[in-house]
Each structure stands twice: as structure tokens, then as C-alpha cells.
Amino acid sequence: MSPARVRKVPMRQCAVCGAARAKRELLRVVRSPEGVVTVDDGGRAAGRGVYVCASADCLTQGARGRRLGQRLEADIPVAVRDELLRRAQAAV
């Protein structure tokens, strides 16, 4: 018999703090081809995506700072900022 195959864990880098983490531990924010910026809960939406740690610090900095907008090459709408801040409060 052959040994069990070890699956490689996909790693992504947080756009705010730069920490490399497993993809499942991060939250994805995506800009669709139409230019709409949303929080992607499923992690499979089409478009340019960036990942953010699910920690309160990174979510708060991501919502208030400009890094996410720069990485997505789009302005972050107020609704997405509010969603990130809501998740930051829930993470505490």
C-alpha cells in the first residue's frame, strides 16, 4: 500500500498586517469585474480579491485604512467598511 497523501494547505497573505495564514483563517474582500466591492464569504467570487485576518485589529485597520482600497484598486464602500467593523466587534 502507498502512504496516505498529505494535502497542501493553501496559504494567503493578509493585506493589512502581511502575516501568512491558511486561506480558511482569512476573510476575503473582492472587487467584481463590474467594479462592485463586497465581502466574499464563500471565497470563490470572481474578481480581484484580497485577504484580511479575522482578528479585530486587522479588520478595524482594514476598514479605516487605505490598504484594502489600494490593493483592490477601488474605493471601499461604506457598507463594506461597516461589515468589516461589525465582524471586528464580533471577533473580540
C-alpha atoms as a PDB file:
ATOM      1  CA  MET A   1       0.000   0.000   0.000  1.00  0.00           C
ATOM      2  CA  SER A   2       1.098   3.542  -0.636  1.00  0.00           C
ATOM      3  CA  PRO A   3       1.268   6.038   2.237  1.00  0.00           C
ATOM      4  CA  ALA A   4      -1.592   8.499   2.681  1.00  0.00           C
ATOM      5  CA  ARG A   5      -1.195  11.666   0.688  1.00  0.00           C
ATOM      6  CA  VAL A   6      -0.685  14.816   2.680  1.00  0.00           C
ATOM      7  CA  ARG A   7      -2.739  17.688   1.328  1.00  0.00           C
ATOM      8  CA  LYS A   8      -1.039  21.032   0.975  1.00  0.00           C
ATOM      9  CA  VAL A   9      -2.756  23.821   2.922  1.00  0.00           C
ATOM     10  CA  PRO A  10      -3.273  26.894   0.719  1.00  0.00           C
ATOM     11  CA  MET A  11      -1.637  29.930   2.311  1.00  0.00           C
ATOM     12  CA  ARG A  12      -2.518  33.589   1.719  1.00  0.00           C
ATOM     13  CA  GLN A  13      -1.087  36.865   2.997  1.00  0.00           C
ATOM     14  CA  CYS A  14      -3.127  39.405   4.949  1.00  0.00           C
ATOM     15  CA  ALA A  15      -3.331  42.698   3.049  1.00  0.00           C
ATOM     16  CA  VAL A  16      -3.217  44.676   6.313  1.00  0.00           C
ATOM     17  CA  CYS A  17      -0.559  43.081   8.527  1.00  0.00           C
ATOM     18  CA  GLY A  18       1.284  40.928   5.977  1.00  0.00           C
ATOM     19  CA  ALA A  19       1.058  37.707   8.009  1.00  0.00           C
ATOM     20  CA  ALA A  20       0.875  34.458   6.028  1.00  0.00           C
ATOM     21  CA  ARG A  21      -2.009  32.281   7.216  1.00  0.00           C
ATOM     22  CA  ALA A  22      -4.110  29.384   5.992  1.00  0.00           C
ATOM     23  CA  LYS A  23      -6.691  30.557   3.467  1.00  0.00           C
ATOM     24  CA  ARG A  24      -9.577  29.349   5.660  1.00  0.00           C
ATOM     25  CA  GLU A  25      -8.453  31.585   8.534  1.00  0.00           C
ATOM     26  CA  LEU A  26      -8.746  34.754   6.449  1.00  0.00           C
ATOM     27  CA  LEU A  27     -11.636  36.852   5.199  1.00  0.00           C
ATOM     28  CA  ARG A  28     -11.755  37.730   1.500  1.00  0.00           C
ATOM     29  CA  VAL A  29     -12.799  41.105   0.099  1.00  0.00           C
ATOM     30  CA  VAL A  30     -13.328  41.122  -3.660  1.00  0.00           C
ATOM     31  CA  ARG A  31     -13.827  43.663  -6.447  1.00  0.00           C
ATOM     32  CA  SER A  32     -16.003  42.108  -9.134  1.00  0.00           C
ATOM     33  CA  PRO A  33     -15.322  42.630 -12.850  1.00  0.00           C
ATOM     34  CA  GLU A  34     -18.156  45.201 -12.755  1.00  0.00           C
ATOM     35  CA  GLY A  35     -16.278  47.148 -10.054  1.00  0.00           C
ATOM     36  CA  VAL A  36     -18.512  46.259  -7.081  1.00  0.00           C
ATOM     37  CA  VAL A  37     -16.584  45.675  -3.820  1.00  0.00           C
ATOM     38  CA  THR A  38     -18.067  43.099  -1.414  1.00  0.00           C
ATOM     39  CA  VAL A  39     -17.074  40.738   1.387  1.00  0.00           C
ATOM     40  CA  ASP A  40     -16.780  37.246  -0.113  1.00  0.00           C
ATOM     41  CA  ASP A  41     -17.877  34.701   2.486  1.00  0.00           C
ATOM     42  CA  GLY A  42     -17.543  31.733   0.130  1.00  0.00           C
ATOM     43  CA  GLY A  43     -14.057  32.660  -1.064  1.00  0.00           C
ATOM     44  CA  ARG A  44     -14.846  31.896  -4.686  1.00  0.00           C
ATOM     45  CA  ALA A  45     -16.368  35.063  -6.132  1.00  0.00           C
ATOM     46  CA  ALA A  46     -14.938  36.195  -9.452  1.00  0.00           C
ATOM     47  CA  GLY A  47     -12.742  39.278  -9.458  1.00  0.00           C
ATOM     48  CA  ARG A  48      -9.716  40.760  -7.771  1.00  0.00           C
ATOM     49  CA  GLY A  49      -9.575  39.640  -4.156  1.00  0.00           C
ATOM     50  CA  VAL A  50      -7.535  40.465  -1.087  1.00  0.00           C
ATOM     51  CA  TYR A  51      -7.409  38.633   2.215  1.00  0.00           C
ATOM     52  CA  VAL A  52      -7.661  40.065   5.722  1.00  0.00           C
ATOM     53  CA  CYS A  53      -7.034  38.363   9.061  1.00  0.00           C
ATOM     54  CA  ALA A  54     -10.198  37.665  11.020  1.00  0.00           C
ATOM     55  CA  SER A  55      -8.691  39.426  14.045  1.00  0.00           C
ATOM     56  CA  ALA A  56     -10.296  42.587  15.374  1.00  0.00           C
ATOM     57  CA  ASP A  57      -7.113  44.650  14.837  1.00  0.00           C
ATOM     58  CA  CYS A  58      -6.692  43.783  11.160  1.00  0.00           C
ATOM     59  CA  LEU A  59     -10.394  44.168  10.360  1.00  0.00           C
ATOM     60  CA  THR A  60     -10.517  47.557  12.057  1.00  0.00           C
ATOM     61  CA  GLN A  61      -7.356  48.789  10.312  1.00  0.00           C
ATOM     62  CA  GLY A  62      -8.629  47.402   7.012  1.00  0.00           C
ATOM     63  CA  ALA A  63     -11.938  49.207   7.350  1.00  0.00           C
ATOM     64  CA  ARG A  64     -10.397  52.525   8.373  1.00  0.00           C
ATOM     65  CA  GLY A  65      -7.170  52.475   6.391  1.00  0.00           C
ATOM     66  CA  ARG A  66      -6.462  52.733   2.690  1.00  0.00           C
ATOM     67  CA  ARG A  67      -4.549  49.492   2.120  1.00  0.00           C
ATOM     68  CA  LEU A  68      -7.545  47.423   1.034  1.00  0.00           C
ATOM     69  CA  GLY A  69      -8.606  50.087  -1.446  1.00  0.00           C
ATOM     70  CA  GLN A  70      -5.093  50.315  -2.834  1.00  0.00           C
ATOM     71  CA  ARG A  71      -4.790  46.548  -3.223  1.00  0.00           C
ATOM     72  CA  LEU A  72      -8.227  46.264  -4.842  1.00  0.00           C
ATOM     73  CA  GLU A  73      -7.598  49.356  -6.958  1.00  0.00           C
ATOM     74  CA  ALA A  74     -11.037  50.639  -5.943  1.00  0.00           C
ATOM     75  CA  ASP A  75     -12.690  52.671  -3.211  1.00  0.00           C
ATOM     76  CA  ILE A  76     -14.129  50.644  -0.335  1.00  0.00           C
ATOM     77  CA  PRO A  77     -17.866  51.406   0.022  1.00  0.00           C
ATOM     78  CA  VAL A  78     -19.291  52.418   3.392  1.00  0.00           C
ATOM     79  CA  ALA A  79     -21.381  49.221   3.555  1.00  0.00           C
ATOM     80  CA  VAL A  80     -18.245  47.047   3.257  1.00  0.00           C
ATOM     81  CA  ARG A  81     -16.429  49.144   5.876  1.00  0.00           C
ATOM     82  CA  ASP A  82     -19.394  48.741   8.220  1.00  0.00           C
ATOM     83  CA  GLU A  83     -19.415  44.982   7.613  1.00  0.00           C
ATOM     84  CA  LEU A  84     -15.688  44.725   8.433  1.00  0.00           C
ATOM     85  CA  LEU A  85     -16.149  46.778  11.610  1.00  0.00           C
ATOM     86  CA  ARG A  86     -19.131  44.618  12.616  1.00  0.00           C
ATOM     87  CA  ARG A  87     -17.041  41.472  12.173  1.00  0.00           C
ATOM     88  CA  ALA A  88     -14.198  43.074  14.139  1.00  0.00           C
ATOM     89  CA  GLN A  89     -16.543  43.694  17.058  1.00  0.00           C
ATOM     90  CA  ALA A  90     -17.813  40.118  16.831  1.00  0.00           C
ATOM     91  CA  ALA A  91     -14.213  38.818  16.881  1.00  0.00           C
ATOM     92  CA  VAL A  92     -13.476  40.490  20.216  1.00  0.00           C
END
